[in-house]
Amino acid sequence: MPRTLHLALHPYGVGGPGQHGLWKDPRVAKNASIDIGYYIRQAQAAEHALFDALFIVDSQFINATYPSHYLNRLEPLTLLSAVATHTSRIGLVGTASSTYNSPFNLARRFASLDHISGGRAGWNVVTSFDTGTSRNYGLDEHLDYATRYGRALESVEVARGLWDSYEDDAFPADVERNVFLDPARLHALDHVGEHFKVAGPLNISRSPQGQPVIFQAGVSEEGRDLAARVAEGVYAPGGSLEQAREYYADVKRRTAAHGRDPDHIKIFVHGGPVVAATDEAARRREREIFEEDNDFDRNLALLGRSFGAYDFAVHDLDAPFPDVAHLAEKGGRTGAAQIIERAREQGLTLRQVAESVNEFRRSPFVGAPETVADTIEEWFAAGAFDGINLAFRTDDELEPFVDGVVPLLQKRGLFRTRYTADTLRGHLGLPVPANRHTEARRLAGA
């Protein structure tokens, strides 16, 4: 069966990283990030276009320098539960930290969303690199890298065990026999691990897709390995075509090395397409967007996020880039290490590094509809991704993609012309996981 493209939508609200000035656009409501109507409209537009999923990001620490969308936004699972009641097919993927949540609580919340949506939930597992989050949870120090990734792996394993608490036939609800639950089909977890001790069982049954879909975004060695072990969807860093192909091949290889089918992990790159009537008009608009959001103070603050929300303003901007390597271990280690290495090799000042954080980089997905469709087809055929996590500044910029690019992808047989499944797993071509207890009994011949 030929591969088909997957598309997800990532709402910007009033402006995320690199989109700091979006809130000034008269087409964007100043309360968009806390307006459930905004998200419902985004989800319905994406569902109308047959997208696979709506993706909601999150973080749990802010200061006044953070992007406008981060300063005032809805909690993902609450948001997605509301969106679920106004949609019927599109997947609903929410971000939740494995570092600062118990797996029992996360398992219950995502299982609830899975039932509310009829089997459309996904969990984007993150490890929280904002060090300030620790102080919101009563800790003086952020957890180190190895501990965060160890917790993430174990948290997913515990959640999956809890999601199998009930076998699919656990509730006969037989009035004549006065049997609501078959107790032989209910299983405690009794997990005792390095980071968690969880008895179970979970007090909610499996959904039509068996379990929520696990997503993950990792660039580091630990992140890539975590993805290969447990993820069914991956948000990849993107970059150039060659960088995307390298990442794709590496994660697929690691997945196979862990005994999993590489086709059962779908890799999405970020894409912010700009579509216009001509290539020239689209490139012009791309440059305008960059100029609107290129604010030095914001770029300096954005640089600090890779180092645990560090305030670089305390340093001389025109002095050599400061020695902050010790901050990378508890922040975004891979990105921070790359920044430090480039600054050292090129002898950059702090000002030059901050300017490079948001320097103009031409996106591959910019142009007339035919041009954008050609590029997507080229990258997809080259093995750079399985899908694109799309972000558009406004509805006016979403529409040209939906009305101009999507029909071309459909005509070329790259994207669906109708939904053929009701669940997120179905959209992504992922199998429904067998309940471990049912499977054990089957293998035992019982």
Protein backbone atom coordinates (compact mmCIF):
# COMPACT_ATOMS: atom_id res chain seq x y z
CA MET A 1 0.00 0.00 0.00
CA PRO A 2 1.54 3.38 -1.01
CA ARG A 3 2.49 5.90 1.68
CA THR A 4 0.14 8.81 2.12
CA LEU A 5 0.86 12.18 3.68
CA HIS A 6 -0.30 13.20 7.16
CA LEU A 7 -1.19 16.78 8.07
CA ALA A 8 -1.68 18.33 11.50
CA LEU A 9 -2.55 21.88 12.53
CA HIS A 10 -0.78 23.79 15.30
CA PRO A 11 -2.63 27.01 16.28
CA TYR A 12 -0.46 30.06 17.05
CA GLY A 13 -3.06 31.90 19.14
CA VAL A 14 -1.75 35.44 19.67
CA GLY A 15 1.81 34.42 18.80
CA GLY A 16 4.35 31.78 19.78
CA PRO A 17 8.14 31.73 19.36
CA GLY A 18 9.17 33.62 16.25
CA GLN A 19 5.67 35.09 16.00
CA HIS A 20 5.94 37.64 18.80
CA GLY A 21 4.12 40.41 16.96
CA LEU A 22 1.16 38.37 15.82
CA TRP A 23 -1.13 39.84 18.48
CA LYS A 24 -0.85 43.22 16.71
CA ASP A 25 -2.46 41.85 13.53
CA PRO A 26 -6.03 43.25 13.32
CA ARG A 27 -7.22 39.85 12.07
CA VAL A 28 -6.17 38.20 15.34
CA ALA A 29 -8.37 38.59 18.41
CA LYS A 30 -6.39 39.82 21.38
CA ASN A 31 -7.85 37.00 23.52
CA ALA A 32 -7.42 34.24 20.91
CA SER A 33 -5.21 32.09 23.14
CA ILE A 34 -7.91 31.81 25.82
CA ASP A 35 -10.93 31.85 23.49
CA ILE A 36 -12.26 28.32 23.10
CA GLY A 37 -14.19 29.48 20.07
CA TYR A 38 -10.90 30.22 18.32
CA TYR A 39 -9.67 26.66 18.84
CA ILE A 40 -12.99 25.14 17.83
CA ARG A 41 -12.93 27.11 14.57
CA GLN A 42 -9.33 26.06 13.92
CA ALA A 43 -10.16 22.40 14.55
CA GLN A 44 -13.27 22.52 12.39
CA ALA A 45 -11.35 24.13 9.52
CA ALA A 46 -8.66 21.44 9.80
CA GLU A 47 -11.29 18.71 9.97
CA HIS A 48 -13.02 20.13 6.90
CA ALA A 49 -9.65 19.85 5.12
CA LEU A 50 -9.33 16.20 6.32
CA PHE A 51 -6.27 16.84 8.50
CA ASP A 52 -5.11 14.08 10.84
CA ALA A 53 -4.87 16.09 14.05
CA LEU A 54 -4.97 19.35 15.97
CA PHE A 55 -1.82 19.78 18.06
CA ILE A 56 -1.67 21.89 21.24
CA VAL A 57 1.67 22.84 22.81
CA ASP A 58 2.19 23.81 26.44
CA SER A 59 4.67 24.90 29.09
CA GLN A 60 4.23 25.59 32.79
CA PHE A 61 6.61 28.46 33.42
CA ILE A 62 6.60 32.03 32.13
CA ASN A 63 8.13 35.38 32.74
CA ALA A 64 7.31 38.70 31.12
CA THR A 65 9.67 38.08 28.19
CA TYR A 66 7.87 34.96 26.97
CA PRO A 67 5.89 34.93 23.68
CA SER A 68 2.42 36.43 23.94
CA HIS A 69 0.67 33.09 23.42
CA TYR A 70 2.60 31.59 26.33
CA LEU A 71 1.59 34.34 28.74
CA ASN A 72 -2.13 33.64 28.71
CA ARG A 73 -3.40 30.34 27.31
CA LEU A 74 -5.70 27.43 28.08
CA GLU A 75 -4.57 24.12 29.60
CA PRO A 76 -4.37 21.58 26.73
CA LEU A 77 -6.58 18.73 27.94
CA THR A 78 -9.34 21.07 29.12
CA LEU A 79 -9.15 22.81 25.76
CA LEU A 80 -9.19 19.60 23.73
CA SER A 81 -12.09 18.15 25.70
CA ALA A 82 -14.17 21.14 24.65
CA VAL A 83 -12.98 20.87 21.03
CA ALA A 84 -13.87 17.16 21.03
CA THR A 85 -17.55 17.95 21.46
CA HIS A 86 -17.53 20.21 18.38
CA THR A 87 -15.66 17.84 16.03
CA SER A 88 -16.07 14.21 15.03
CA ARG A 89 -13.01 12.97 13.15
CA ILE A 90 -9.88 15.04 13.69
CA GLY A 91 -7.29 13.76 16.16
CA LEU A 92 -6.62 15.78 19.31
CA VAL A 93 -3.01 15.84 20.54
CA GLY A 94 -2.15 17.59 23.80
CA THR A 95 1.21 18.29 25.41
CA ALA A 96 1.79 17.23 29.01
CA SER A 97 5.01 17.04 30.99
CA SER A 98 6.18 13.69 32.30
CA THR A 99 8.57 15.60 34.56
CA TYR A 100 5.93 17.35 36.66
CA ASN A 101 2.90 15.07 36.46
CA SER A 102 2.17 11.67 37.96
CA PRO A 103 1.58 8.96 35.34
CA PHE A 104 -1.65 7.86 37.02
CA ASN A 105 -3.10 11.35 36.69
CA LEU A 106 -1.93 11.68 33.09
CA ALA A 107 -3.24 8.23 32.17
CA ARG A 108 -6.67 9.06 33.57
CA ARG A 109 -6.88 12.48 31.91
CA PHE A 110 -5.83 11.23 28.46
CA ALA A 111 -8.07 8.17 28.72
CA SER A 112 -10.95 10.52 29.53
CA LEU A 113 -10.18 12.66 26.47
CA ASP A 114 -9.97 9.48 24.42
CA HIS A 115 -13.50 8.50 25.48
CA ILE A 116 -14.92 12.00 25.12
CA SER A 117 -13.58 12.16 21.55
CA GLY A 118 -14.42 8.59 20.58
CA GLY A 119 -10.82 7.48 20.21
CA ARG A 120 -9.03 10.58 18.91
CA ALA A 121 -6.62 11.46 21.73
CA GLY A 122 -2.85 11.73 21.59
CA TRP A 123 -0.29 12.58 24.28
CA ASN A 124 2.77 14.63 23.32
CA VAL A 125 5.25 13.54 26.00
CA VAL A 126 7.66 16.31 27.02
CA THR A 127 10.34 16.52 29.69
CA SER A 128 10.11 20.26 30.56
CA PHE A 129 13.30 22.16 29.82
CA ASP A 130 12.09 25.40 31.43
CA THR A 131 13.95 25.25 34.73
CA GLY A 132 11.56 27.70 36.37
CA THR A 133 8.85 25.05 36.23
CA SER A 134 10.53 23.28 39.14
CA ARG A 135 9.69 26.14 41.48
CA ASN A 136 6.03 25.89 40.52
CA TYR A 137 6.09 22.32 41.82
CA GLY A 138 7.90 22.93 45.09
CA LEU A 139 11.41 22.01 43.92
CA ASP A 140 14.45 24.24 44.23
CA GLU A 141 16.24 22.65 41.28
CA HIS A 142 15.15 21.37 37.90
CA LEU A 143 15.71 17.65 37.36
CA ASP A 144 18.82 16.70 35.40
CA TYR A 145 18.68 15.41 31.84
CA ALA A 146 19.06 11.70 32.59
CA THR A 147 16.41 11.79 35.31
CA ARG A 148 13.93 13.65 33.10
CA TYR A 149 14.27 11.14 30.26
CA GLY A 150 14.20 8.19 32.65
CA ARG A 151 10.97 9.52 34.13
CA ALA A 152 9.52 10.06 30.64
CA LEU A 153 10.15 6.48 29.57
CA GLU A 154 8.80 5.02 32.79
CA SER A 155 5.83 7.39 32.77
CA VAL A 156 4.74 6.15 29.33
CA GLU A 157 5.24 2.52 30.37
CA VAL A 158 3.10 3.08 33.49
CA ALA A 159 0.38 4.90 31.54
CA ARG A 160 0.19 2.11 28.98
CA GLY A 161 -0.06 -0.45 31.76
CA LEU A 162 -2.88 1.50 33.39
CA TRP A 163 -4.72 1.86 30.07
CA ASP A 164 -4.84 -1.96 30.00
CA SER A 165 -6.47 -2.19 33.45
CA TYR A 166 -9.71 -3.37 31.90
CA GLU A 167 -9.88 -5.93 29.13
CA ASP A 168 -12.26 -5.09 26.32
CA ASP A 169 -14.95 -7.50 27.55
CA ALA A 170 -14.69 -6.49 31.21
CA PHE A 171 -18.22 -5.06 31.42
CA PRO A 172 -20.89 -7.59 30.43
CA ALA A 173 -23.53 -5.48 32.21
CA ASP A 174 -25.77 -8.53 32.34
CA VAL A 175 -28.91 -7.57 34.25
CA GLU A 176 -30.31 -11.11 34.35
CA ARG A 177 -27.13 -12.47 35.95
CA ASN A 178 -26.68 -9.33 38.06
CA VAL A 179 -23.13 -8.95 36.69
CA PHE A 180 -21.92 -5.49 35.70
CA LEU A 181 -18.17 -6.21 35.87
CA ASP A 182 -16.32 -9.45 35.26
CA PRO A 183 -13.64 -9.13 37.97
CA ALA A 184 -11.37 -11.57 36.11
CA ARG A 185 -11.02 -8.91 33.40
CA LEU A 186 -9.83 -6.18 35.81
CA HIS A 187 -6.10 -6.02 36.52
CA ALA A 188 -4.02 -4.04 39.00
CA LEU A 189 -0.69 -2.78 37.71
CA ASP A 190 1.44 -3.05 40.87
CA HIS A 191 4.29 -1.16 39.23
CA VAL A 192 7.44 -0.50 41.23
CA GLY A 193 10.15 1.28 39.27
CA GLU A 194 13.03 3.70 39.60
CA HIS A 195 10.83 6.80 39.54
CA PHE A 196 7.27 5.64 40.23
CA LYS A 197 5.33 3.26 42.41
CA VAL A 198 1.79 2.83 41.07
CA ALA A 199 -0.68 0.19 42.21
CA GLY A 200 -3.63 0.73 39.86
CA PRO A 201 -5.96 -0.25 38.38
CA LEU A 202 -7.20 2.74 36.42
CA ASN A 203 -10.90 3.42 36.78
CA ILE A 204 -11.68 3.89 33.08
CA SER A 205 -11.93 1.38 30.25
CA ARG A 206 -10.14 1.30 26.91
CA SER A 207 -11.43 3.52 24.10
CA PRO A 208 -12.25 2.59 20.48
CA GLN A 209 -8.57 3.06 19.56
CA GLY A 210 -7.33 0.98 22.49
CA GLN A 211 -4.94 3.57 23.89
CA PRO A 212 -4.13 7.22 23.16
CA VAL A 213 -1.39 7.73 20.58
CA ILE A 214 2.02 8.63 22.03
CA PHE A 215 3.86 11.57 20.44
CA GLN A 216 7.30 12.88 21.33
CA ALA A 217 9.74 15.54 20.16
CA GLY A 218 13.41 14.84 20.67
CA VAL A 219 16.62 16.06 19.05
CA SER A 220 19.22 14.76 21.50
CA GLU A 221 20.48 11.19 21.64
CA GLU A 222 18.20 10.57 24.62
CA GLY A 223 15.27 12.18 22.82
CA ARG A 224 15.74 10.16 19.67
CA ASP A 225 16.09 6.96 21.64
CA LEU A 226 12.96 7.70 23.68
CA ALA A 227 11.06 8.30 20.44
CA ALA A 228 12.31 5.02 19.00
CA ARG A 229 11.27 3.14 22.14
CA VAL A 230 7.78 4.47 22.75
CA ALA A 231 6.60 7.11 20.25
CA GLU A 232 4.02 6.53 17.55
CA GLY A 233 4.29 10.09 16.29
CA VAL A 234 7.36 12.34 16.37
CA TYR A 235 7.65 16.12 15.98
CA ALA A 236 10.98 16.47 14.19
CA PRO A 237 13.18 19.58 14.06
CA GLY A 238 13.05 19.94 10.27
CA GLY A 239 15.85 22.11 8.87
CA SER A 240 17.17 21.47 5.36
CA LEU A 241 16.08 18.54 3.21
CA GLU A 242 19.27 16.66 4.04
CA GLN A 243 18.92 17.33 7.78
CA ALA A 244 15.31 16.15 7.71
CA ARG A 245 16.27 13.00 5.81
CA GLU A 246 19.07 12.25 8.28
CA TYR A 247 16.75 12.61 11.27
CA TYR A 248 14.03 10.52 9.61
CA ALA A 249 16.41 7.68 8.70
CA ASP A 250 18.04 7.73 12.14
CA VAL A 251 14.78 7.52 14.10
CA LYS A 252 13.39 4.82 11.81
CA ARG A 253 16.64 2.84 12.20
CA ARG A 254 16.53 3.16 15.99
CA THR A 255 12.88 2.10 15.99
CA ALA A 256 13.72 -1.10 14.11
CA ALA A 257 16.65 -1.73 16.47
CA HIS A 258 14.18 -1.73 19.37
CA GLY A 259 12.17 -4.45 17.63
CA ARG A 260 9.39 -2.17 16.43
CA ASP A 261 7.96 -1.73 12.94
CA PRO A 262 9.36 1.58 11.58
CA ASP A 263 6.05 2.15 9.78
CA HIS A 264 4.41 2.40 13.20
CA ILE A 265 6.14 5.68 14.00
CA LYS A 266 5.07 8.72 11.97
CA ILE A 267 7.51 11.61 11.74
CA PHE A 268 6.16 15.15 11.35
CA VAL A 269 8.28 18.20 10.53
CA HIS A 270 7.20 21.72 11.41
CA GLY A 271 5.94 23.77 8.50
CA GLY A 272 4.76 27.36 8.32
CA PRO A 273 3.73 27.57 4.67
CA VAL A 274 3.16 30.91 3.01
CA VAL A 275 0.98 30.50 -0.07
CA ALA A 276 0.13 33.27 -2.53
CA ALA A 277 -0.87 33.67 -6.15
CA THR A 278 2.77 33.74 -7.28
CA ASP A 279 6.11 32.63 -5.90
CA GLU A 280 7.26 36.25 -5.79
CA ALA A 281 4.24 37.38 -3.77
CA ALA A 282 4.68 34.51 -1.31
CA ARG A 283 8.39 35.24 -0.80
CA ARG A 284 7.60 38.90 -0.30
CA ARG A 285 5.02 38.03 2.35
CA GLU A 286 7.48 35.66 4.03
CA ARG A 287 9.98 38.49 4.36
CA GLU A 288 7.30 40.85 5.69
CA ILE A 289 6.40 38.35 8.41
CA PHE A 290 10.03 38.12 9.46
CA GLU A 291 10.42 41.90 9.64
CA GLU A 292 7.25 42.20 11.72
CA ASP A 293 8.61 39.80 14.35
CA ASN A 294 12.33 40.58 14.37
CA ASP A 295 12.66 42.27 17.77
CA PHE A 296 16.11 42.10 19.41
CA ASP A 297 14.95 42.08 23.03
CA ARG A 298 12.56 39.23 22.29
CA ASN A 299 15.32 37.34 20.47
CA LEU A 300 17.59 37.74 23.49
CA ALA A 301 14.86 36.36 25.76
CA LEU A 302 14.22 33.50 23.32
CA LEU A 303 17.92 32.64 23.44
CA GLY A 304 17.62 32.37 27.23
CA ARG A 305 14.96 29.66 27.00
CA SER A 306 17.52 27.16 25.70
CA PHE A 307 19.47 27.78 28.89
CA GLY A 308 16.63 27.38 31.38
CA ALA A 309 15.09 30.86 30.94
CA TYR A 310 18.46 32.47 31.72
CA ASP A 311 18.57 36.27 31.59
CA PHE A 312 21.35 37.14 29.15
CA ALA A 313 20.59 40.84 29.61
CA VAL A 314 22.94 40.87 32.61
CA HIS A 315 25.93 40.48 30.25
CA ASP A 316 27.72 42.90 27.94
CA LEU A 317 26.11 42.38 24.55
CA ASP A 318 29.32 43.12 22.67
CA ALA A 319 31.57 40.88 24.74
CA PRO A 320 32.29 37.28 23.72
CA PHE A 321 29.43 34.88 24.30
CA PRO A 322 29.47 34.08 28.06
CA ASP A 323 30.37 30.72 29.54
CA VAL A 324 26.95 29.26 30.31
CA ALA A 325 27.60 25.61 29.46
CA HIS A 326 26.62 24.59 33.00
CA LEU A 327 23.08 25.84 32.33
CA ALA A 328 22.57 23.60 29.31
CA GLU A 329 22.39 20.37 31.32
CA LYS A 330 19.07 21.36 32.87
CA GLY A 331 17.72 23.25 29.86
CA GLY A 332 17.42 22.38 26.18
CA ARG A 333 20.78 20.62 26.18
CA THR A 334 21.18 19.79 22.49
CA GLY A 335 20.14 23.19 21.18
CA ALA A 336 22.17 24.97 23.84
CA ALA A 337 25.28 22.92 23.02
CA GLN A 338 24.93 23.82 19.34
CA ILE A 339 24.69 27.51 20.20
CA ILE A 340 27.77 27.35 22.43
CA GLU A 341 29.81 25.47 19.83
CA ARG A 342 28.92 27.88 17.02
CA ALA A 343 29.69 30.91 19.20
CA ARG A 344 33.08 29.47 20.13
CA GLU A 345 34.05 28.39 16.61
CA GLN A 346 33.03 31.69 15.02
CA GLY A 347 34.11 33.95 17.87
CA LEU A 348 30.64 35.48 18.17
CA THR A 349 29.55 38.11 20.66
CA LEU A 350 26.38 37.75 22.70
CA ARG A 351 24.70 40.29 20.43
CA GLN A 352 25.60 38.30 17.32
CA VAL A 353 24.33 35.06 18.83
CA ALA A 354 21.03 36.69 19.86
CA GLU A 355 20.59 38.14 16.37
CA SER A 356 21.18 34.72 14.84
CA VAL A 357 18.44 33.12 16.97
CA ASN A 358 15.81 34.64 14.73
CA GLU A 359 17.80 35.36 11.58
CA PHE A 360 15.91 35.15 8.31
CA ARG A 361 15.80 31.59 7.00
CA ARG A 362 13.81 30.88 3.88
CA SER A 363 11.19 28.21 4.39
CA PRO A 364 10.96 25.48 1.74
CA PHE A 365 7.15 25.60 1.83
CA VAL A 366 6.63 29.07 0.38
CA GLY A 367 5.27 29.97 -3.05
CA ALA A 368 2.32 29.54 -5.34
CA PRO A 369 0.15 26.45 -4.63
CA GLU A 370 1.88 24.39 -7.31
CA THR A 371 5.33 25.29 -5.96
CA VAL A 372 4.41 24.37 -2.38
CA ALA A 373 2.79 21.11 -3.48
CA ASP A 374 5.90 20.27 -5.54
CA THR A 375 8.18 20.83 -2.55
CA ILE A 376 6.01 18.78 -0.21
CA GLU A 377 5.96 15.95 -2.74
CA GLU A 378 9.74 16.15 -3.20
CA TRP A 379 10.45 15.99 0.56
CA PHE A 380 7.88 13.26 1.14
CA ALA A 381 9.25 11.10 -1.69
CA ALA A 382 12.82 11.68 -0.47
CA GLY A 383 12.03 10.21 2.94
CA ALA A 384 12.24 13.45 4.91
CA PHE A 385 8.92 13.08 6.73
CA ASP A 386 5.64 11.21 7.00
CA GLY A 387 3.69 14.40 7.66
CA ILE A 388 3.81 18.11 8.38
CA ASN A 389 2.74 19.89 11.56
CA LEU A 390 1.37 23.06 9.98
CA ALA A 391 1.13 26.49 11.57
CA PHE A 392 -0.57 29.53 10.05
CA ARG A 393 -0.67 33.02 11.48
CA THR A 394 -4.27 33.71 10.51
CA ASP A 395 -7.28 32.06 8.89
CA ASP A 396 -6.52 34.16 5.81
CA GLU A 397 -3.19 32.33 5.51
CA LEU A 398 -4.65 28.88 6.25
CA GLU A 399 -7.24 29.15 3.48
CA PRO A 400 -4.83 29.34 0.49
CA PHE A 401 -3.15 26.16 1.69
CA VAL A 402 -6.44 24.32 2.21
CA ASP A 403 -8.02 25.58 -1.00
CA GLY A 404 -4.91 25.64 -3.20
CA VAL A 405 -2.32 23.12 -2.00
CA VAL A 406 -4.43 20.32 -0.50
CA PRO A 407 -6.41 19.67 -3.73
CA LEU A 408 -3.12 19.33 -5.64
CA LEU A 409 -1.82 16.82 -3.09
CA GLN A 410 -5.08 14.90 -3.37
CA LYS A 411 -4.93 14.92 -7.16
CA ARG A 412 -1.43 13.43 -6.98
CA GLY A 413 -2.63 10.66 -4.65
CA LEU A 414 -0.56 11.94 -1.73
CA PHE A 415 -3.38 12.93 0.62
CA ARG A 416 -6.78 11.49 1.45
CA THR A 417 -9.93 12.67 -0.30
CA ARG A 418 -12.13 11.51 2.57
CA TYR A 419 -11.71 10.18 6.08
CA THR A 420 -11.61 6.39 6.09
CA ALA A 421 -11.31 6.03 9.87
CA ASP A 422 -12.89 7.50 12.99
CA THR A 423 -9.86 7.36 15.30
CA LEU A 424 -6.46 9.03 15.37
CA ARG A 425 -4.80 5.62 15.08
CA GLY A 426 -6.89 4.95 12.03
CA HIS A 427 -5.88 8.22 10.38
CA LEU A 428 -2.20 7.48 11.01
CA GLY A 429 -2.39 3.86 9.92
CA LEU A 430 -1.39 2.60 13.37
CA PRO A 431 -2.62 -0.70 14.82
CA VAL A 432 -4.87 -0.88 17.84
CA PRO A 433 -2.64 -2.27 20.61
CA ALA A 434 -3.80 -5.57 22.02
CA ASN A 435 -4.65 -5.58 25.71
CA ARG A 436 -1.64 -7.20 27.36
CA HIS A 437 -3.73 -9.39 29.66
CA THR A 438 -5.97 -10.64 26.85
CA GLU A 439 -2.91 -11.31 24.73
CA ALA A 440 -1.16 -13.18 27.55
CA ARG A 441 -4.18 -15.42 27.99
CA ARG A 442 -4.38 -16.02 24.23
CA LEU A 443 -0.72 -17.01 24.06
CA ALA A 444 -1.23 -19.31 27.04
CA GLY A 445 -4.07 -21.01 25.20
CA ALA A 446 -6.64 -20.08 27.82
